Amino acid sequence: MTDETKKLRHAPQKGVSDSEQHPFQAEAPAKPVGRTLKVRKIGNSLGIVLPKDVLAKLRVGEGDELSVSETPDGVALQSANHDSADLMKLAEEIMAKRRRVLKALAQ
């Protein structure tokens, strides 16, 4: 890299400005908080190995399913198994609490 290239690379970026005194300067996106996992070849596929503490936080183990959701910041992992179990628990609580109302609606 030449000295001139270095100067250009570190020069303030020109862009949109609200005035001549306050030019907009592009900033690199912040590095995600958390840990970095390496994508590895697993059989004929690619995958990541989740550390034990991450598995514990997700409350999943071998054979469980994960739900992958797109978020504004990237993607999120959630336990697919526990979501339905939590939903069933909530439904049972509501049915027990509102038994008379549900019985009246059923008639």
PDB file of N, CA and C in Angstrom:
ATOM      1  N   MET A   1       0.855  -1.165   0.000  1.00  0.00           N
ATOM      2  CA  MET A   1       0.000   0.000   0.000  1.00  0.00           C
ATOM      3  C   MET A   1       0.906   1.235   0.000  1.00  0.00           C
ATOM      4  N   THR A   2       0.629   2.154  -0.899  1.00  0.00           N
ATOM      5  CA  THR A   2       1.442   3.368  -0.999  1.00  0.00           C
ATOM      6  C   THR A   2       1.019   4.359   0.078  1.00  0.00           C
ATOM      7  N   ASP A   3       1.885   5.372   0.302  1.00  0.00           N
ATOM      8  CA  ASP A   3       1.560   6.404   1.288  1.00  0.00           C
ATOM      9  C   ASP A   3       0.287   7.151   0.905  1.00  0.00           C
ATOM     10  N   GLU A   4       0.099   7.379  -0.391  1.00  0.00           N
ATOM     11  CA  GLU A   4      -1.094   8.100  -0.842  1.00  0.00           C
ATOM     12  C   GLU A   4      -2.354   7.270  -0.583  1.00  0.00           C
ATOM     13  N   THR A   5      -2.264   5.956  -0.808  1.00  0.00           N
ATOM     14  CA  THR A   5      -3.399   5.077  -0.550  1.00  0.00           C
ATOM     15  C   THR A   5      -3.734   5.074   0.934  1.00  0.00           C
ATOM     16  N   LYS A   6      -2.698   5.058   1.785  1.00  0.00           N
ATOM     17  CA  LYS A   6      -2.922   5.089   3.226  1.00  0.00           C
ATOM     18  C   LYS A   6      -3.632   6.370   3.635  1.00  0.00           C
ATOM     19  N   LYS A   7      -3.216   7.503   3.047  1.00  0.00           N
ATOM     20  CA  LYS A   7      -3.840   8.789   3.374  1.00  0.00           C
ATOM     21  C   LYS A   7      -5.308   8.782   2.978  1.00  0.00           C
ATOM     22  N   LEU A   8      -5.605   8.262   1.778  1.00  0.00           N
ATOM     23  CA  LEU A   8      -6.987   8.214   1.318  1.00  0.00           C
ATOM     24  C   LEU A   8      -7.831   7.286   2.189  1.00  0.00           C
ATOM     25  N   ARG A   9      -7.230   6.195   2.598  1.00  0.00           N
ATOM     26  CA  ARG A   9      -7.954   5.217   3.397  1.00  0.00           C
ATOM     27  C   ARG A   9      -8.355   5.775   4.759  1.00  0.00           C
ATOM     28  N   HIS A  10      -7.506   6.626   5.334  1.00  0.00           N
ATOM     29  CA  HIS A  10      -7.767   7.166   6.665  1.00  0.00           C
ATOM     30  C   HIS A  10      -8.338   8.576   6.631  1.00  0.00           C
ATOM     31  N   ALA A  11      -8.589   9.108   5.447  1.00  0.00           N
ATOM     32  CA  ALA A  11      -9.177  10.446   5.333  1.00  0.00           C
ATOM     33  C   ALA A  11     -10.644  10.385   5.726  1.00  0.00           C
ATOM     34  N   PRO A  12     -11.178  11.486   6.284  1.00  0.00           N
ATOM     35  CA  PRO A  12     -12.605  11.497   6.628  1.00  0.00           C
ATOM     36  C   PRO A  12     -13.458  11.217   5.400  1.00  0.00           C
ATOM     37  N   GLN A  13     -14.499  10.436   5.581  1.00  0.00           N
ATOM     38  CA  GLN A  13     -15.402  10.091   4.494  1.00  0.00           C
ATOM     39  C   GLN A  13     -16.342  11.248   4.223  1.00  0.00           C
ATOM     40  N   LYS A  14     -16.515  11.578   2.957  1.00  0.00           N
ATOM     41  CA  LYS A  14     -17.484  12.602   2.605  1.00  0.00           C
ATOM     42  C   LYS A  14     -18.819  11.932   2.392  1.00  0.00           C
ATOM     43  N   GLY A  15     -19.862  12.611   2.768  1.00  0.00           N
ATOM     44  CA  GLY A  15     -21.184  12.031   2.607  1.00  0.00           C
ATOM     45  C   GLY A  15     -22.237  13.082   2.843  1.00  0.00           C
ATOM     46  N   VAL A  16     -23.366  12.668   3.333  1.00  0.00           N
ATOM     47  CA  VAL A  16     -24.467  13.575   3.608  1.00  0.00           C
ATOM     48  C   VAL A  16     -24.076  14.456   4.783  1.00  0.00           C
ATOM     49  N   SER A  17     -24.422  15.728   4.711  1.00  0.00           N
ATOM     50  CA  SER A  17     -24.116  16.604   5.837  1.00  0.00           C
ATOM     51  C   SER A  17     -25.297  17.508   6.116  1.00  0.00           C
ATOM     52  N   ASP A  18     -25.423  17.882   7.403  1.00  0.00           N
ATOM     53  CA  ASP A  18     -26.481  18.816   7.748  1.00  0.00           C
ATOM     54  C   ASP A  18     -25.986  20.251   7.649  1.00  0.00           C
ATOM     55  N   SER A  19     -24.698  20.421   7.576  1.00  0.00           N
ATOM     56  CA  SER A  19     -24.094  21.733   7.335  1.00  0.00           C
ATOM     57  C   SER A  19     -22.639  21.512   6.969  1.00  0.00           C
ATOM     58  N   GLU A  20     -21.986  22.559   6.552  1.00  0.00           N
ATOM     59  CA  GLU A  20     -20.572  22.418   6.188  1.00  0.00           C
ATOM     60  C   GLU A  20     -19.709  22.120   7.409  1.00  0.00           C
ATOM     61  N   GLN A  21     -20.161  22.520   8.595  1.00  0.00           N
ATOM     62  CA  GLN A  21     -19.370  22.272   9.809  1.00  0.00           C
ATOM     63  C   GLN A  21     -19.548  20.851  10.353  1.00  0.00           C
ATOM     64  N   HIS A  22     -20.615  20.170   9.957  1.00  0.00           N
ATOM     65  CA  HIS A  22     -20.906  18.849  10.507  1.00  0.00           C
ATOM     66  C   HIS A  22     -21.077  17.805   9.408  1.00  0.00           C
ATOM     67  N   PRO A  23     -19.994  17.427   8.726  1.00  0.00           N
ATOM     68  CA  PRO A  23     -20.140  16.404   7.685  1.00  0.00           C
ATOM     69  C   PRO A  23     -20.425  15.037   8.304  1.00  0.00           C
ATOM     70  N   PHE A  24     -21.203  14.255   7.586  1.00  0.00           N
ATOM     71  CA  PHE A  24     -21.502  12.889   8.016  1.00  0.00           C
ATOM     72  C   PHE A  24     -20.298  12.017   7.721  1.00  0.00           C
ATOM     73  N   GLN A  25     -19.886  11.191   8.679  1.00  0.00           N
ATOM     74  CA  GLN A  25     -18.804  10.238   8.452  1.00  0.00           C
ATOM     75  C   GLN A  25     -19.346   8.835   8.695  1.00  0.00           C
ATOM     76  N   ALA A  26     -19.161   7.991   7.704  1.00  0.00           N
ATOM     77  CA  ALA A  26     -19.626   6.609   7.827  1.00  0.00           C
ATOM     78  C   ALA A  26     -18.818   5.900   8.895  1.00  0.00           C
ATOM     79  N   GLU A  27     -19.496   5.097   9.704  1.00  0.00           N
ATOM     80  CA  GLU A  27     -18.819   4.322  10.736  1.00  0.00           C
ATOM     81  C   GLU A  27     -19.013   2.843  10.454  1.00  0.00           C
ATOM     82  N   ALA A  28     -18.006   2.075  10.810  1.00  0.00           N
ATOM     83  CA  ALA A  28     -18.118   0.623  10.657  1.00  0.00           C
ATOM     84  C   ALA A  28     -19.155   0.119  11.652  1.00  0.00           C
ATOM     85  N   PRO A  29     -19.939  -0.886  11.280  1.00  0.00           N
ATOM     86  CA  PRO A  29     -20.920  -1.417  12.230  1.00  0.00           C
ATOM     87  C   PRO A  29     -20.221  -1.984  13.456  1.00  0.00           C
ATOM     88  N   ALA A  30     -20.872  -1.875  14.593  1.00  0.00           N
ATOM     89  CA  ALA A  30     -20.296  -2.386  15.831  1.00  0.00           C
ATOM     90  C   ALA A  30     -20.169  -3.899  15.747  1.00  0.00           C
ATOM     91  N   LYS A  31     -19.103  -4.411  16.343  1.00  0.00           N
ATOM     92  CA  LYS A  31     -18.906  -5.861  16.378  1.00  0.00           C
ATOM     93  C   LYS A  31     -19.951  -6.468  17.313  1.00  0.00           C
ATOM     94  N   PRO A  32     -20.602  -7.549  16.892  1.00  0.00           N
ATOM     95  CA  PRO A  32     -21.619  -8.158  17.745  1.00  0.00           C
ATOM     96  C   PRO A  32     -21.042  -8.572  19.094  1.00  0.00           C
ATOM     97  N   VAL A  33     -21.842  -8.370  20.136  1.00  0.00           N
ATOM     98  CA  VAL A  33     -21.420  -8.764  21.469  1.00  0.00           C
ATOM     99  C   VAL A  33     -21.672 -10.258  21.601  1.00  0.00           C
ATOM    100  N   GLY A  34     -20.759 -10.972  22.192  1.00  0.00           N
ATOM    101  CA  GLY A  34     -20.924 -12.409  22.362  1.00  0.00           C
ATOM    102  C   GLY A  34     -19.659 -13.128  21.963  1.00  0.00           C
ATOM    103  N   ARG A  35     -19.809 -14.348  21.553  1.00  0.00           N
ATOM    104  CA  ARG A  35     -18.629 -15.119  21.160  1.00  0.00           C
ATOM    105  C   ARG A  35     -18.694 -15.471  19.691  1.00  0.00           C
ATOM    106  N   THR A  36     -17.567 -15.854  19.176  1.00  0.00           N
ATOM    107  CA  THR A  36     -17.462 -16.240  17.776  1.00  0.00           C
ATOM    108  C   THR A  36     -17.380 -17.758  17.697  1.00  0.00           C
ATOM    109  N   LEU A  37     -18.193 -18.341  16.841  1.00  0.00           N
ATOM    110  CA  LEU A  37     -18.173 -19.786  16.624  1.00  0.00           C
ATOM    111  C   LEU A  37     -17.726 -20.061  15.200  1.00  0.00           C
ATOM    112  N   LYS A  38     -16.935 -21.085  15.017  1.00  0.00           N
ATOM    113  CA  LYS A  38     -16.412 -21.431  13.699  1.00  0.00           C
ATOM    114  C   LYS A  38     -17.375 -22.375  12.976  1.00  0.00           C
ATOM    115  N   VAL A  39     -17.619 -22.095  11.706  1.00  0.00           N
ATOM    116  CA  VAL A  39     -18.433 -22.980  10.871  1.00  0.00           C
ATOM    117  C   VAL A  39     -17.536 -24.134  10.443  1.00  0.00           C
ATOM    118  N   ARG A  40     -18.001 -25.347  10.680  1.00  0.00           N
ATOM    119  CA  ARG A  40     -17.195 -26.543  10.395  1.00  0.00           C
ATOM    120  C   ARG A  40     -17.955 -27.483   9.463  1.00  0.00           C
ATOM    121  N   LYS A  41     -17.189 -28.337   8.819  1.00  0.00           N
ATOM    122  CA  LYS A  41     -17.793 -29.368   7.979  1.00  0.00           C
ATOM    123  C   LYS A  41     -18.219 -30.507   8.895  1.00  0.00           C
ATOM    124  N   ILE A  42     -19.495 -30.879   8.797  1.00  0.00           N
ATOM    125  CA  ILE A  42     -20.040 -31.983   9.586  1.00  0.00           C
ATOM    126  C   ILE A  42     -20.692 -32.933   8.589  1.00  0.00           C
ATOM    127  N   GLY A  43     -20.003 -34.016   8.276  1.00  0.00           N
ATOM    128  CA  GLY A  43     -20.477 -34.921   7.223  1.00  0.00           C
ATOM    129  C   GLY A  43     -20.430 -34.197   5.895  1.00  0.00           C
ATOM    130  N   ASN A  44     -21.552 -34.177   5.175  1.00  0.00           N
ATOM    131  CA  ASN A  44     -21.628 -33.464   3.897  1.00  0.00           C
ATOM    132  C   ASN A  44     -22.207 -32.061   4.058  1.00  0.00           C
ATOM    133  N   SER A  45     -22.390 -31.625   5.294  1.00  0.00           N
ATOM    134  CA  SER A  45     -22.997 -30.320   5.567  1.00  0.00           C
ATOM    135  C   SER A  45     -22.021 -29.415   6.293  1.00  0.00           C
ATOM    136  N   LEU A  46     -22.461 -28.192   6.530  1.00  0.00           N
ATOM    137  CA  LEU A  46     -21.718 -27.255   7.358  1.00  0.00           C
ATOM    138  C   LEU A  46     -22.541 -26.990   8.601  1.00  0.00           C
ATOM    139  N   GLY A  47     -21.880 -26.740   9.722  1.00  0.00           N
ATOM    140  CA  GLY A  47     -22.613 -26.476  10.956  1.00  0.00           C
ATOM    141  C   GLY A  47     -21.732 -25.812  11.983  1.00  0.00           C
ATOM    142  N   ILE A  48     -22.331 -25.482  13.104  1.00  0.00           N
ATOM    143  CA  ILE A  48     -21.591 -24.937  14.235  1.00  0.00           C
ATOM    144  C   ILE A  48     -21.815 -25.857  15.424  1.00  0.00           C
ATOM    145  N   VAL A  49     -20.847 -25.902  16.305  1.00  0.00           N
ATOM    146  CA  VAL A  49     -20.970 -26.675  17.533  1.00  0.00           C
ATOM    147  C   VAL A  49     -21.263 -25.676  18.643  1.00  0.00           C
ATOM    148  N   LEU A  50     -22.395 -25.860  19.326  1.00  0.00           N
ATOM    149  CA  LEU A  50     -22.768 -24.946  20.400  1.00  0.00           C
ATOM    150  C   LEU A  50     -22.132 -25.411  21.704  1.00  0.00           C
ATOM    151  N   PRO A  51     -21.459 -24.504  22.415  1.00  0.00           N
ATOM    152  CA  PRO A  51     -20.856 -24.863  23.702  1.00  0.00           C
ATOM    153  C   PRO A  51     -21.922 -25.258  24.728  1.00  0.00           C
ATOM    154  N   LYS A  52     -21.504 -26.004  25.748  1.00  0.00           N
ATOM    155  CA  LYS A  52     -22.435 -26.517  26.757  1.00  0.00           C
ATOM    156  C   LYS A  52     -23.221 -25.406  27.438  1.00  0.00           C
ATOM    157  N   ASP A  53     -22.564 -24.278  27.733  1.00  0.00           N
ATOM    158  CA  ASP A  53     -23.280 -23.208  28.431  1.00  0.00           C
ATOM    159  C   ASP A  53     -24.369 -22.592  27.550  1.00  0.00           C
ATOM    160  N   VAL A  54     -24.147 -22.539  26.243  1.00  0.00           N
ATOM    161  CA  VAL A  54     -25.163 -22.020  25.320  1.00  0.00           C
ATOM    162  C   VAL A  54     -26.337 -22.998  25.251  1.00  0.00           C
ATOM    163  N   LEU A  55     -26.033 -24.292  25.184  1.00  0.00           N
ATOM    164  CA  LEU A  55     -27.090 -25.311  25.182  1.00  0.00           C
ATOM    165  C   LEU A  55     -27.922 -25.231  26.460  1.00  0.00           C
ATOM    166  N   ALA A  56     -27.250 -24.991  27.592  1.00  0.00           N
ATOM    167  CA  ALA A  56     -27.960 -24.876  28.870  1.00  0.00           C
ATOM    168  C   ALA A  56     -28.885 -23.660  28.870  1.00  0.00           C
ATOM    169  N   LYS A  57     -28.415 -22.535  28.325  1.00  0.00           N
ATOM    170  CA  LYS A  57     -29.249 -21.328  28.269  1.00  0.00           C
ATOM    171  C   LYS A  57     -30.451 -21.525  27.350  1.00  0.00           C
ATOM    172  N   LEU A  58     -30.262 -22.271  26.272  1.00  0.00           N
ATOM    173  CA  LEU A  58     -31.361 -22.564  25.346  1.00  0.00           C
ATOM    174  C   LEU A  58     -32.263 -23.678  25.873  1.00  0.00           C
ATOM    175  N   ARG A  59     -31.800 -24.390  26.890  1.00  0.00           N
ATOM    176  CA  ARG A  59     -32.496 -25.554  27.453  1.00  0.00           C
ATOM    177  C   ARG A  59     -32.763 -26.607  26.381  1.00  0.00           C
ATOM    178  N   VAL A  60     -31.714 -26.939  25.632  1.00  0.00           N
ATOM    179  CA  VAL A  60     -31.815 -27.963  24.594  1.00  0.00           C
ATOM    180  C   VAL A  60     -30.685 -28.969  24.742  1.00  0.00           C
ATOM    181  N   GLY A  61     -30.899 -30.113  24.160  1.00  0.00           N
ATOM    182  CA  GLY A  61     -29.895 -31.158  24.137  1.00  0.00           C
ATOM    183  C   GLY A  61     -29.958 -31.870  22.800  1.00  0.00           C
ATOM    184  N   GLU A  62     -29.224 -32.965  22.694  1.00  0.00           N
ATOM    185  CA  GLU A  62     -29.190 -33.725  21.448  1.00  0.00           C
ATOM    186  C   GLU A  62     -30.597 -34.181  21.064  1.00  0.00           C
ATOM    187  N   GLY A  63     -30.954 -33.962  19.804  1.00  0.00           N
ATOM    188  CA  GLY A  63     -32.256 -34.369  19.297  1.00  0.00           C
ATOM    189  C   GLY A  63     -33.327 -33.291  19.384  1.00  0.00           C
ATOM    190  N   ASP A  64     -33.106 -32.262  20.205  1.00  0.00           N
ATOM    191  CA  ASP A  64     -34.071 -31.160  20.288  1.00  0.00           C
ATOM    192  C   ASP A  64     -33.970 -30.298  19.038  1.00  0.00           C
ATOM    193  N   GLU A  65     -35.004 -29.514  18.798  1.00  0.00           N
ATOM    194  CA  GLU A  65     -35.030 -28.643  17.623  1.00  0.00           C
ATOM    195  C   GLU A  65     -34.856 -27.192  18.035  1.00  0.00           C
ATOM    196  N   LEU A  66     -34.169 -26.430  17.174  1.00  0.00           N
ATOM    197  CA  LEU A  66     -33.993 -24.995  17.376  1.00  0.00           C
ATOM    198  C   LEU A  66     -34.793 -24.246  16.326  1.00  0.00           C
ATOM    199  N   SER A  67     -35.343 -23.125  16.728  1.00  0.00           N
ATOM    200  CA  SER A  67     -36.043 -22.238  15.811  1.00  0.00           C
ATOM    201  C   SER A  67     -35.088 -21.098  15.462  1.00  0.00           C
ATOM    202  N   VAL A  68     -34.899 -20.838  14.172  1.00  0.00           N
ATOM    203  CA  VAL A  68     -34.032 -19.751  13.713  1.00  0.00           C
ATOM    204  C   VAL A  68     -34.924 -18.654  13.162  1.00  0.00           C
ATOM    205  N   SER A  69     -34.831 -17.456  13.749  1.00  0.00           N
ATOM    206  CA  SER A  69     -35.666 -16.326  13.341  1.00  0.00           C
ATOM    207  C   SER A  69     -34.796 -15.178  12.865  1.00  0.00           C
ATOM    208  N   GLU A  70     -35.265 -14.496  11.834  1.00  0.00           N
ATOM    209  CA  GLU A  70     -34.560 -13.309  11.354  1.00  0.00           C
ATOM    210  C   GLU A  70     -34.952 -12.131  12.234  1.00  0.00           C
ATOM    211  N   THR A  71     -33.951 -11.343  12.655  1.00  0.00           N
ATOM    212  CA  THR A  71     -34.178 -10.150  13.467  1.00  0.00           C
ATOM    213  C   THR A  71     -33.563  -8.956  12.752  1.00  0.00           C
ATOM    214  N   PRO A  72     -33.858  -7.740  13.190  1.00  0.00           N
ATOM    215  CA  PRO A  72     -33.224  -6.574  12.564  1.00  0.00           C
ATOM    216  C   PRO A  72     -31.695  -6.610  12.661  1.00  0.00           C
ATOM    217  N   ASP A  73     -31.168  -7.288  13.700  1.00  0.00           N
ATOM    218  CA  ASP A  73     -29.722  -7.350  13.895  1.00  0.00           C
ATOM    219  C   ASP A  73     -29.071  -8.587  13.295  1.00  0.00           C
ATOM    220  N   GLY A  74     -29.831  -9.505  12.750  1.00  0.00           N
ATOM    221  CA  GLY A  74     -29.261 -10.733  12.196  1.00  0.00           C
ATOM    222  C   GLY A  74     -30.224 -11.883  12.351  1.00  0.00           C
ATOM    223  N   VAL A  75     -29.815 -12.897  13.132  1.00  0.00           N
ATOM    224  CA  VAL A  75     -30.684 -14.043  13.392  1.00  0.00           C
ATOM    225  C   VAL A  75     -30.678 -14.353  14.886  1.00  0.00           C
ATOM    226  N   ALA A  76     -31.718 -15.045  15.338  1.00  0.00           N
ATOM    227  CA  ALA A  76     -31.826 -15.452  16.739  1.00  0.00           C
ATOM    228  C   ALA A  76     -32.159 -16.934  16.792  1.00  0.00           C
ATOM    229  N   LEU A  77     -31.580 -17.621  17.772  1.00  0.00           N
ATOM    230  CA  LEU A  77     -31.865 -19.036  18.011  1.00  0.00           C
ATOM    231  C   LEU A  77     -32.757 -19.155  19.232  1.00  0.00           C
ATOM    232  N   GLN A  78     -33.774 -20.008  19.143  1.00  0.00           N
ATOM    233  CA  GLN A  78     -34.644 -20.301  20.277  1.00  0.00           C
ATOM    234  C   GLN A  78     -34.969 -21.780  20.256  1.00  0.00           C
ATOM    235  N   SER A  79     -35.260 -22.299  21.414  1.00  0.00           N
ATOM    236  CA  SER A  79     -35.666 -23.693  21.502  1.00  0.00           C
ATOM    237  C   SER A  79     -37.057 -23.845  20.916  1.00  0.00           C
ATOM    238  N   ALA A  80     -37.195 -24.675  19.912  1.00  0.00           N
ATOM    239  CA  ALA A  80     -38.507 -24.924  19.308  1.00  0.00           C
ATOM    240  C   ALA A  80     -39.328 -25.833  20.211  1.00  0.00           C
ATOM    241  N   ASN A  81     -38.682 -26.751  20.908  1.00  0.00           N
ATOM    242  CA  ASN A  81     -39.381 -27.698  21.776  1.00  0.00           C
ATOM    243  C   ASN A  81     -39.999 -27.012  22.985  1.00  0.00           C
ATOM    244  N   HIS A  82     -39.255 -26.123  23.606  1.00  0.00           N
ATOM    245  CA  HIS A  82     -39.745 -25.480  24.816  1.00  0.00           C
ATOM    246  C   HIS A  82     -40.809 -24.438  24.512  1.00  0.00           C
ATOM    247  N   ASP A  83     -40.789 -23.884  23.311  1.00  0.00           N
ATOM    248  CA  ASP A  83     -41.821 -22.919  22.949  1.00  0.00           C
ATOM    249  C   ASP A  83     -43.195 -23.574  23.004  1.00  0.00           C
ATOM    250  N   SER A  84     -43.320 -24.760  22.425  1.00  0.00           N
ATOM    251  CA  SER A  84     -44.620 -25.432  22.424  1.00  0.00           C
ATOM    252  C   SER A  84     -44.970 -25.933  23.821  1.00  0.00           C
ATOM    253  N   ALA A  85     -43.983 -26.365  24.597  1.00  0.00           N
ATOM    254  CA  ALA A  85     -44.243 -26.817  25.965  1.00  0.00           C
ATOM    255  C   ALA A  85     -44.717 -25.644  26.821  1.00  0.00           C
ATOM    256  N   ASP A  86     -44.087 -24.485  26.659  1.00  0.00           N
ATOM    257  CA  ASP A  86     -44.505 -23.294  27.400  1.00  0.00           C
ATOM    258  C   ASP A  86     -45.910 -22.873  26.997  1.00  0.00           C
ATOM    259  N   LEU A  87     -46.208 -22.969  25.710  1.00  0.00           N
ATOM    260  CA  LEU A  87     -47.534 -22.605  25.214  1.00  0.00           C
ATOM    261  C   LEU A  87     -48.603 -23.545  25.777  1.00  0.00           C
ATOM    262  N   MET A  88     -48.314 -24.835  25.824  1.00  0.00           N
ATOM    263  CA  MET A  88     -49.265 -25.810  26.381  1.00  0.00           C
ATOM    264  C   MET A  88     -49.493 -25.550  27.870  1.00  0.00           C
ATOM    265  N   LYS A  89     -48.423 -25.227  28.588  1.00  0.00           N
ATOM    266  CA  LYS A  89     -48.546 -24.938  30.018  1.00  0.00           C
ATOM    267  C   LYS A  89     -49.443 -23.722  30.229  1.00  0.00           C
ATOM    268  N   LEU A  90     -49.244 -22.690  29.430  1.00  0.00           N
ATOM    269  CA  LEU A  90     -50.064 -21.486  29.518  1.00  0.00           C
ATOM    270  C   LEU A  90     -51.524 -21.797  29.197  1.00  0.00           C
ATOM    271  N   ALA A  91     -51.761 -22.594  28.159  1.00  0.00           N
ATOM    272  CA  ALA A  91     -53.130 -22.966  27.781  1.00  0.00           C
ATOM    273  C   ALA A  91     -53.814 -23.736  28.910  1.00  0.00           C
ATOM    274  N   GLU A  92     -53.096 -24.657  29.542  1.00  0.00           N
ATOM    275  CA  GLU A  92     -53.664 -25.428  30.648  1.00  0.00           C
ATOM    276  C   GLU A  92     -54.010 -24.529  31.830  1.00  0.00           C
ATOM    277  N   GLU A  93     -53.140 -23.547  32.116  1.00  0.00           N
ATOM    278  CA  GLU A  93     -53.409 -22.606  33.209  1.00  0.00           C
ATOM    279  C   GLU A  93     -54.664 -21.784  32.920  1.00  0.00           C
ATOM    280  N   ILE A  94     -54.796 -21.318  31.686  1.00  0.00           N
ATOM    281  CA  ILE A  94     -55.971 -20.520  31.310  1.00  0.00           C
ATOM    282  C   ILE A  94     -57.235 -21.364  31.384  1.00  0.00           C
ATOM    283  N   MET A  95     -57.165 -22.605  30.895  1.00  0.00           N
ATOM    284  CA  MET A  95     -58.345 -23.485  30.936  1.00  0.00           C
ATOM    285  C   MET A  95     -58.762 -23.775  32.375  1.00  0.00           C
ATOM    286  N   ALA A  96     -57.800 -23.970  33.264  1.00  0.00           N
ATOM    287  CA  ALA A  96     -58.127 -24.236  34.666  1.00  0.00           C
ATOM    288  C   ALA A  96     -58.731 -22.993  35.318  1.00  0.00           C
ATOM    289  N   LYS A  97     -58.181 -21.834  35.011  1.00  0.00           N
ATOM    290  CA  LYS A  97     -58.639 -20.582  35.620  1.00  0.00           C
ATOM    291  C   LYS A  97     -60.009 -20.159  35.083  1.00  0.00           C
ATOM    292  N   ARG A  98     -60.274 -20.390  33.822  1.00  0.00           N
ATOM    293  CA  ARG A  98     -61.508 -19.930  33.167  1.00  0.00           C
ATOM    294  C   ARG A  98     -62.430 -21.094  32.789  1.00  0.00           C
ATOM    295  N   ARG A  99     -62.429 -22.129  33.603  1.00  0.00           N
ATOM    296  CA  ARG A  99     -63.191 -23.346  33.311  1.00  0.00           C
ATOM    297  C   ARG A  99     -64.676 -23.063  33.069  1.00  0.00           C
ATOM    298  N   ARG A 100     -65.293 -22.248  33.949  1.00  0.00           N
ATOM    299  CA  ARG A 100     -66.733 -21.961  33.816  1.00  0.00           C
ATOM    300  C   ARG A 100     -67.033 -21.209  32.523  1.00  0.00           C
ATOM    301  N   VAL A 101     -66.205 -20.240  32.190  1.00  0.00           N
ATOM    302  CA  VAL A 101     -66.417 -19.451  30.969  1.00  0.00           C
ATOM    303  C   VAL A 101     -66.292 -20.344  29.737  1.00  0.00           C
ATOM    304  N   LEU A 102     -65.268 -21.179  29.714  1.00  0.00           N
ATOM    305  CA  LEU A 102     -65.064 -22.075  28.572  1.00  0.00           C
ATOM    306  C   LEU A 102     -66.208 -23.090  28.449  1.00  0.00           C
ATOM    307  N   LYS A 103     -66.708 -23.562  29.598  1.00  0.00           N
ATOM    308  CA  LYS A 103     -67.821 -24.515  29.582  1.00  0.00           C
ATOM    309  C   LYS A 103     -69.078 -23.847  29.020  1.00  0.00           C
ATOM    310  N   ALA A 104     -69.327 -22.601  29.419  1.00  0.00           N
ATOM    311  CA  ALA A 104     -70.490 -21.859  28.916  1.00  0.00           C
ATOM    312  C   ALA A 104     -70.368 -21.599  27.418  1.00  0.00           C
ATOM    313  N   LEU A 105     -69.181 -21.301  26.958  1.00  0.00           N
ATOM    314  CA  LEU A 105     -68.963 -21.066  25.525  1.00  0.00           C
ATOM    315  C   LEU A 105     -69.162 -22.341  24.704  1.00  0.00           C
ATOM    316  N   ALA A 106     -68.840 -23.474  25.297  1.00  0.00           N
ATOM    317  CA  ALA A 106     -68.952 -24.750  24.586  1.00  0.00           C
ATOM    318  C   ALA A 106     -70.402 -25.183  24.404  1.00  0.00           C
ATOM    319  N   GLN A 107     -71.322 -24.658  25.220  1.00  0.00           N
ATOM    320  CA  GLN A 107     -72.738 -25.078  25.137  1.00  0.00           C
ATOM    321  C   GLN A 107     -73.495 -24.325  24.091  1.00  0.00           C
TER     322      GLN A 107
END
